[in-house]
């Protein structure tokens, strides 16, 4: 399955949450729930942040470091079960770090006479 098709499928599976946002980034897709990063699609498939909740919901999952990922993530083994996936994301939410504050844009300085 192509990455864009997989992104659409993951978004469909997470649709009951309503506060899901996904964007293409660095050759993959990043998924956010209520503006916190929950995981993404990389060359190998869909992976979620390694939290105690994600480990509880996917005890059969092994920790992997995939090429082209920013950190160790857990391959999502429950993607086909939308209800279970959504519940895992809800329980992951309090364990995830707060979104980083956005940096203000660069301001141009006015120059006199130029």
Protein backbone atom coordinates (compact mmCIF):
# COMPACT_ATOMS: atom_id res chain seq x y z
CA UNK A 1 0.00 0.00 0.00
CA UNK A 2 1.36 3.44 -0.93
CA UNK A 3 2.03 5.90 1.90
CA UNK A 4 -0.76 8.27 0.90
CA UNK A 5 -3.26 5.41 0.73
CA UNK A 6 -2.05 4.18 4.13
CA UNK A 7 -2.40 7.70 5.56
CA UNK A 8 -6.00 7.85 4.36
CA UNK A 9 -6.68 4.40 5.84
CA UNK A 10 -5.17 5.35 9.21
CA UNK A 11 -7.19 8.60 9.21
CA UNK A 12 -10.34 6.58 8.51
CA UNK A 13 -9.55 4.21 11.38
CA UNK A 14 -9.02 7.19 13.72
CA UNK A 15 -12.08 9.11 12.46
CA UNK A 16 -14.17 8.49 15.63
CA UNK A 17 -11.68 10.65 17.58
CA UNK A 18 -12.53 13.73 15.47
CA UNK A 19 -9.49 15.71 16.72
CA UNK A 20 -7.05 13.96 14.38
CA UNK A 21 -4.81 15.91 12.04
CA UNK A 22 -2.26 14.43 9.66
CA UNK A 23 0.29 16.11 7.45
CA UNK A 24 2.94 14.97 4.99
CA UNK A 25 6.40 15.49 6.43
CA UNK A 26 9.91 14.39 5.52
CA UNK A 27 8.87 11.61 3.16
CA UNK A 28 6.18 10.25 5.49
CA UNK A 29 3.06 11.40 7.32
CA UNK A 30 2.73 12.66 10.90
CA UNK A 31 -0.45 12.13 12.92
CA UNK A 32 -1.60 14.39 15.74
CA UNK A 33 -4.39 13.95 18.28
CA UNK A 34 -5.53 17.18 19.92
CA UNK A 35 -2.29 18.73 18.63
CA UNK A 36 0.00 16.16 20.27
CA UNK A 37 2.10 13.96 18.00
CA UNK A 38 0.95 10.33 18.31
CA UNK A 39 2.94 8.72 15.50
CA UNK A 40 3.34 8.56 11.80
CA UNK A 41 3.77 6.66 8.59
CA UNK A 42 7.28 5.84 7.58
CA UNK A 43 8.65 3.54 4.89
CA UNK A 44 7.89 0.50 7.04
CA UNK A 45 4.28 1.39 7.93
CA UNK A 46 2.33 3.12 10.70
CA UNK A 47 4.03 3.50 14.08
CA UNK A 48 3.00 5.16 17.33
CA UNK A 49 4.90 6.75 20.18
CA UNK A 50 6.22 4.32 22.77
CA UNK A 51 4.12 4.96 25.89
CA UNK A 52 2.86 2.73 28.67
CA UNK A 53 -0.62 2.88 27.08
CA UNK A 54 0.63 1.84 23.65
CA UNK A 55 2.53 -1.07 25.22
CA UNK A 56 -0.59 -2.16 27.15
CA UNK A 57 -2.67 -2.19 23.96
CA UNK A 58 0.03 -3.89 21.88
CA UNK A 59 1.87 -6.26 24.22
CA UNK A 60 2.93 -8.41 21.27
CA UNK A 61 4.69 -5.45 19.68
CA UNK A 62 8.45 -5.24 19.85
CA UNK A 63 10.37 -2.02 20.09
CA UNK A 64 12.05 -1.21 16.79
CA UNK A 65 14.18 1.56 15.46
CA UNK A 66 13.17 2.05 11.86
CA UNK A 67 15.28 3.76 9.29
CA UNK A 68 14.10 7.33 8.58
CA UNK A 69 12.24 7.73 11.88
CA UNK A 70 13.08 10.45 14.40
CA UNK A 71 12.99 8.10 17.42
CA UNK A 72 12.19 4.57 18.52
CA UNK A 73 8.52 3.93 17.80
CA UNK A 74 6.24 0.95 18.13
CA UNK A 75 4.89 -0.58 14.94
CA UNK A 76 1.11 -0.43 15.21
CA UNK A 77 -0.22 -3.99 15.35
CA UNK A 78 -3.87 -3.04 16.02
CA UNK A 79 -4.49 -0.82 13.00
CA UNK A 80 -7.35 -2.98 11.72
CA UNK A 81 -9.29 -2.62 15.01
CA UNK A 82 -10.53 0.98 14.90
CA UNK A 83 -12.23 0.87 18.31
CA UNK A 84 -9.14 -0.49 20.06
CA UNK A 85 -6.85 1.90 18.16
CA UNK A 86 -8.94 4.93 19.14
CA UNK A 87 -9.04 3.84 22.78
CA UNK A 88 -5.25 3.42 22.77
CA UNK A 89 -4.79 6.94 21.37
CA UNK A 90 -7.14 8.38 24.02
CA UNK A 91 -5.12 6.67 26.76
CA UNK A 92 -1.80 7.71 25.20
CA UNK A 93 -2.79 11.38 25.17
CA UNK A 94 -1.95 12.29 28.80
CA UNK A 95 1.41 10.50 28.47
CA UNK A 96 2.50 12.51 25.43
CA UNK A 97 4.55 15.69 25.74
CA UNK A 98 2.84 19.02 25.22
CA UNK A 99 3.22 20.50 21.75
CA UNK A 100 6.24 22.76 21.36
CA UNK A 101 5.52 26.47 21.26
CA UNK A 102 5.74 27.86 17.77
CA UNK A 103 8.58 30.25 17.13
CA UNK A 104 7.56 33.69 15.94
CA UNK A 105 8.35 34.40 12.30
CA UNK A 106 11.40 36.43 11.41
CA UNK A 107 10.68 40.13 11.17
CA UNK A 108 12.23 42.28 8.54
CA UNK A 109 13.95 45.39 9.70
CA UNK A 110 13.15 48.63 7.99
CA UNK A 111 16.15 50.44 6.61
CA UNK A 112 16.14 54.16 6.05
CA UNK A 113 16.92 55.43 2.59
CA UNK A 114 17.45 52.03 0.97
